[in-house]
Protein backbone atom coordinates (compact mmCIF):
# COMPACT_ATOMS: atom_id res chain seq x y z
CA UNK A 1 56.99 51.08 103.14
CA UNK A 2 55.10 51.74 99.92
CA UNK A 3 56.11 51.90 96.17
CA UNK A 4 59.70 52.67 95.13
CA UNK A 5 59.51 54.51 91.69
CA UNK A 6 62.53 54.17 89.35
CA UNK A 7 62.52 56.45 86.31
CA UNK A 8 64.14 54.71 83.40
CA UNK A 9 65.64 57.61 81.36
CA UNK A 10 65.71 56.06 77.86
CA UNK A 11 67.69 58.65 75.82
CA UNK A 12 69.46 59.12 72.55
CA UNK A 13 73.35 59.08 72.52
CA UNK A 14 75.20 62.35 72.45
CA UNK A 15 78.94 62.68 72.71
CA UNK A 16 78.85 66.28 73.94
CA UNK A 17 78.99 66.39 77.78
CA UNK A 18 77.58 69.88 78.01
CA UNK A 19 74.47 68.79 76.03
CA UNK A 20 74.11 65.69 78.08
CA UNK A 21 74.31 67.70 81.31
CA UNK A 22 71.44 69.95 79.91
CA UNK A 23 69.44 67.05 78.65
CA UNK A 24 69.97 65.18 81.84
CA UNK A 25 68.68 68.04 83.94
CA UNK A 26 65.62 68.22 81.79
CA UNK A 27 64.67 64.70 82.10
CA UNK A 28 65.49 64.49 85.86
CA UNK A 29 63.02 67.27 86.45
CA UNK A 30 60.37 65.48 84.33
CA UNK A 31 61.04 62.34 86.29
CA UNK A 32 60.49 64.15 89.48
CA UNK A 33 57.18 65.59 88.27
CA UNK A 34 56.19 61.91 87.59
CA UNK A 35 56.83 61.01 91.10
CA UNK A 36 60.18 59.17 90.77
CA UNK A 37 62.24 58.20 93.69
CA UNK A 38 65.30 57.42 91.64
CA UNK A 39 66.32 58.60 88.06
CA UNK A 40 68.44 55.93 86.26
CA UNK A 41 70.55 56.95 83.29
CA UNK A 42 71.88 54.59 80.52
CA UNK A 43 75.47 53.62 80.53
CA UNK A 44 78.29 56.18 80.49
CA UNK A 45 75.87 59.19 80.11
CA UNK A 46 78.53 62.00 80.38
CA UNK A 47 80.03 61.12 76.94
CA UNK A 48 77.06 59.03 75.55
CA UNK A 49 79.06 55.83 75.61
CA UNK A 50 81.26 57.19 72.85
CA UNK A 51 84.13 54.66 72.65
CA UNK A 52 87.46 55.16 70.64
CA UNK A 53 87.48 53.22 67.48
CA UNK A 54 91.08 53.66 66.70
CA UNK A 55 94.28 54.04 68.85
CA UNK A 56 94.53 57.73 67.60
CA UNK A 57 91.18 58.41 69.33
CA UNK A 58 92.14 56.81 72.80
CA UNK A 59 93.88 59.83 74.23
CA UNK A 60 91.02 62.14 73.14
CA UNK A 61 88.48 59.79 74.59
CA UNK A 62 90.33 59.64 77.95
CA UNK A 63 89.95 63.45 78.09
CA UNK A 64 86.17 62.89 78.45
CA UNK A 65 86.72 61.10 81.77
CA UNK A 66 85.60 62.99 84.89
CA UNK A 67 85.87 62.57 88.68
CA UNK A 68 83.42 63.43 91.40
CA UNK A 69 84.78 66.92 91.68
CA UNK A 70 83.99 67.68 88.04
CA UNK A 71 81.11 70.18 87.28
CA UNK A 72 79.21 67.42 85.42
CA UNK A 73 79.12 65.31 88.67
CA UNK A 74 78.59 68.05 91.10
CA UNK A 75 75.76 69.55 89.16
CA UNK A 76 73.81 66.32 89.43
CA UNK A 77 74.57 66.31 93.20
CA UNK A 78 73.09 69.72 93.54
CA UNK A 79 70.09 68.67 91.20
CA UNK A 80 69.33 65.65 93.43
CA UNK A 81 69.26 67.86 96.45
CA UNK A 82 67.00 70.42 94.71
CA UNK A 83 64.59 67.78 93.45
CA UNK A 84 64.64 65.72 96.68
CA UNK A 85 65.27 62.59 94.34
CA UNK A 86 68.08 60.24 93.93
CA UNK A 87 69.89 60.21 90.72
CA UNK A 88 71.91 57.24 89.33
CA UNK A 89 74.39 59.05 87.09
CA UNK A 90 76.79 57.20 84.71
CA UNK A 91 80.17 58.43 83.48
CA UNK A 92 83.60 57.60 82.31
CA UNK A 93 85.52 57.97 85.62
CA UNK A 94 88.87 59.54 85.62
CA UNK A 95 91.49 57.63 87.66
CA UNK A 96 95.25 57.01 87.60
CA UNK A 97 95.91 54.82 84.62
CA UNK A 98 92.88 53.66 82.52
CA UNK A 99 89.51 55.23 83.26
CA UNK A 100 86.47 53.13 84.58
CA UNK A 101 82.93 52.71 83.39
CA UNK A 102 81.05 53.92 86.51
CA UNK A 103 77.65 54.62 87.98
CA UNK A 104 77.20 56.60 91.20
CA UNK A 105 73.93 56.65 93.03
CA UNK A 106 73.40 60.16 94.54
CA UNK A 107 70.82 60.27 97.36
CA UNK A 108 68.08 62.85 97.65
CA UNK A 109 70.25 64.94 99.98
CA UNK A 110 73.02 65.30 97.35
CA UNK A 111 75.34 62.68 98.92
CA UNK A 112 77.13 59.95 96.98
CA UNK A 113 75.51 56.83 98.50
CA UNK A 114 77.13 54.28 96.28
CA UNK A 115 79.75 54.25 93.46
CA UNK A 116 80.29 51.11 91.32
CA UNK A 117 82.67 50.51 88.40
CA UNK A 118 81.80 47.88 85.79
CA UNK A 119 83.48 44.66 86.79
CA UNK A 120 82.99 42.66 83.60
CA UNK A 121 84.28 45.18 80.99
CA UNK A 122 83.69 44.42 77.26
CA UNK A 123 87.38 43.77 76.54
CA UNK A 124 86.48 42.16 73.19
CA UNK A 125 85.65 45.80 72.07
CA UNK A 126 87.22 49.25 72.37
CA UNK A 127 85.99 49.10 76.05
CA UNK A 128 89.27 47.36 76.61
CA UNK A 129 90.66 50.82 77.39
CA UNK A 130 88.67 50.78 80.59
CA UNK A 131 89.98 49.52 83.87
CA UNK A 132 87.56 46.97 85.65
CA UNK A 133 85.95 47.45 88.93
CA UNK A 134 86.99 45.20 91.86
CA UNK A 135 83.57 44.37 93.52
CA UNK A 136 79.81 44.72 93.60
CA UNK A 137 78.33 47.05 96.19
CA UNK A 138 74.97 47.90 97.87
CA UNK A 139 73.76 50.84 99.95
CA UNK A 140 70.88 51.72 102.16
CA UNK A 141 69.10 54.52 100.17
CA UNK A 142 67.07 57.02 102.12
CA UNK A 143 63.97 57.57 100.23
CA UNK A 144 60.62 59.24 100.79
CA UNK A 145 59.03 55.73 101.64
CA UNK A 146 62.01 54.72 103.91
CA UNK A 147 65.33 52.98 103.61
CA UNK A 148 65.70 50.64 100.55
CA UNK A 149 68.83 48.41 99.97
CA UNK A 150 70.04 49.18 96.45
CA UNK A 151 72.61 47.48 94.29
CA UNK A 152 74.12 48.18 90.93
CA UNK A 153 75.69 46.47 87.98
CA UNK A 154 76.30 47.69 84.41
CA UNK A 155 75.36 46.18 81.05
CA UNK A 156 77.75 43.22 80.32
CA UNK A 157 77.65 42.35 83.98
CA UNK A 158 74.13 40.78 83.25
CA UNK A 159 75.79 37.98 81.35
CA UNK A 160 77.36 36.51 84.56
CA UNK A 161 75.14 34.91 87.10
CA UNK A 162 77.34 35.79 90.17
CA UNK A 163 76.71 39.64 89.68
CA UNK A 164 73.20 39.54 90.88
CA UNK A 165 73.97 36.81 93.36
CA UNK A 166 76.63 38.75 95.06
CA UNK A 167 74.27 41.70 95.28
CA UNK A 168 71.53 39.64 96.70
CA UNK A 169 73.79 38.17 99.29
CA UNK A 170 74.81 41.66 100.24
CA UNK A 171 71.21 42.44 100.82
CA UNK A 172 70.02 44.14 97.66
CA UNK A 173 66.26 44.55 97.24
CA UNK A 174 66.33 46.31 93.92
CA UNK A 175 69.26 46.30 91.34
CA UNK A 176 69.88 49.32 89.08
CA UNK A 177 71.39 48.47 85.60
CA UNK A 178 72.56 51.19 83.22
CA UNK A 179 72.98 49.62 79.69
CA UNK A 180 74.30 50.27 76.34
CA UNK A 181 73.55 47.44 73.91
CA UNK A 182 70.78 45.78 71.72
CA UNK A 183 68.11 44.25 73.84
CA UNK A 184 66.77 40.97 72.61
CA UNK A 185 64.56 38.14 73.98
CA UNK A 186 67.50 36.30 75.42
CA UNK A 187 68.57 39.45 77.45
CA UNK A 188 64.94 39.92 78.53
CA UNK A 189 64.81 36.49 79.89
CA UNK A 190 68.27 36.92 81.50
CA UNK A 191 66.90 39.78 83.62
CA UNK A 192 63.57 38.00 84.44
CA UNK A 193 65.71 34.97 85.69
CA UNK A 194 68.04 37.14 87.68
CA UNK A 195 64.98 38.69 89.52
CA UNK A 196 63.27 35.42 90.10
CA UNK A 197 66.32 33.39 91.24
CA UNK A 198 67.81 36.13 93.42
CA UNK A 199 64.42 37.56 94.73
CA UNK A 200 65.47 41.04 93.73
CA UNK A 201 63.80 43.78 91.64
CA UNK A 202 65.86 44.67 88.67
CA UNK A 203 65.47 47.92 86.64
CA UNK A 204 67.48 48.45 83.32
CA UNK A 205 67.83 51.70 81.26
CA UNK A 206 69.05 51.46 77.87
CA UNK A 207 69.68 54.06 74.99
CA UNK A 208 66.79 54.81 72.69
CA UNK A 209 66.62 53.97 68.97
CA UNK A 210 69.13 55.85 67.07
CA UNK A 211 71.87 54.63 69.47
CA UNK A 212 70.60 51.07 70.39
CA UNK A 213 67.14 49.81 70.40
CA UNK A 214 65.51 50.96 73.67
CA UNK A 215 63.39 48.33 75.47
CA UNK A 216 64.36 49.58 78.90
CA UNK A 217 62.62 47.24 81.37
CA UNK A 218 62.14 46.11 84.91
CA UNK A 219 61.11 42.90 86.60
CA UNK A 220 59.66 42.23 90.06
CA UNK A 221 60.27 39.10 92.03
CA UNK A 222 56.91 37.97 93.17
CA UNK A 223 55.90 35.30 90.55
CA UNK A 224 53.61 33.55 93.12
CA UNK A 225 51.80 36.49 94.98
CA UNK A 226 49.17 34.20 96.35
CA UNK A 227 51.73 32.27 98.47
CA UNK A 228 51.90 35.43 100.78
CA UNK A 229 48.05 35.32 101.35
CA UNK A 230 47.91 31.57 101.92
CA UNK A 231 45.74 31.11 98.90
CA UNK A 232 46.09 28.94 95.84
CA UNK A 233 49.43 29.34 94.20
CA UNK A 234 49.04 30.84 90.77
CA UNK A 235 52.05 32.03 88.77
CA UNK A 236 52.03 35.62 87.20
CA UNK A 237 54.23 37.56 84.80
CA UNK A 238 56.88 39.58 86.70
CA UNK A 239 57.48 42.19 84.07
CA UNK A 240 56.94 45.60 85.63
CA UNK A 241 57.40 47.83 82.57
CA UNK A 242 58.99 47.52 79.12
CA UNK A 243 59.62 50.46 76.88
CA UNK A 244 59.40 50.60 73.09
CA UNK A 245 62.43 51.96 71.02
CA UNK A 246 61.43 55.69 71.46
CA UNK A 247 63.06 58.24 73.75
CA UNK A 248 61.20 58.90 77.00
CA UNK A 249 60.84 58.21 80.65
CA UNK A 250 59.34 54.91 81.77
CA UNK A 251 58.49 54.24 85.32
CA UNK A 252 59.38 51.04 87.19
CA UNK A 253 57.26 50.73 90.34
CA UNK A 254 58.29 48.20 93.03
CA UNK A 255 56.19 47.40 96.10
CA UNK A 256 59.01 47.10 98.70
CA UNK A 257 56.63 45.60 101.40
CA UNK A 258 55.56 42.87 98.87
CA UNK A 259 59.12 42.17 98.02
CA UNK A 260 60.12 41.84 101.59
CA UNK A 261 57.14 39.67 102.52
CA UNK A 262 57.87 37.41 99.53
CA UNK A 263 61.51 36.98 100.43
CA UNK A 264 60.59 36.23 104.04
CA UNK A 265 58.07 33.51 102.83
CA UNK A 266 60.71 31.84 100.69
CA UNK A 267 63.42 31.51 103.48
């Protein structure tokens, strides 16, 4: 197989969809030049995770919701095809009733391979105006190195152990996590544990300083690499990459052969 490269697009929030489309294009093109197979946006990129603060703002906020026929979405489908690179685009999804907090993984041919709506919405905040998703999903993503089983969750889903476990049981090898909150040591440990216990790679993209505090990161699963070679078992740090607070692109590289060999050795 080889190395799957996930570009973590750690960006600053902007509530203007046109500006986010323009900026998203720019960063996806830069990610492709860096060799990315997948570009991963932070949570609800089309409106910059701009949530209503008052009841008066709710209707205006709902107007920022889009469906997959909207120009914002179709533009990224066209870009994925042009770049020959998958794009995990996040948006407030328009539906009957309340909108959903959604990520769609567009494959390198411009097809929508997976759409996931956040199951565990933050109903203790103004995200209560979102409708929750109904399940966790995986897909077989065609990449330049072959087919890789990808799953997705969003932000607060991290707080619940079953999120990653369900995706693992559905075959996920790498889990993509768009995020919009402060990252601290507890949440960092949370991601590391999810990767280790479920034997999956995890890649999280957060908003940069100015919106939240960055620290987009990724973890591998192979904490005891020497087991595969039959040598002495020595533990290693599974952190693949951790950004600082600044805006930028941070590459998470996953050795898919190594992940598969390790999972096989543990079952």
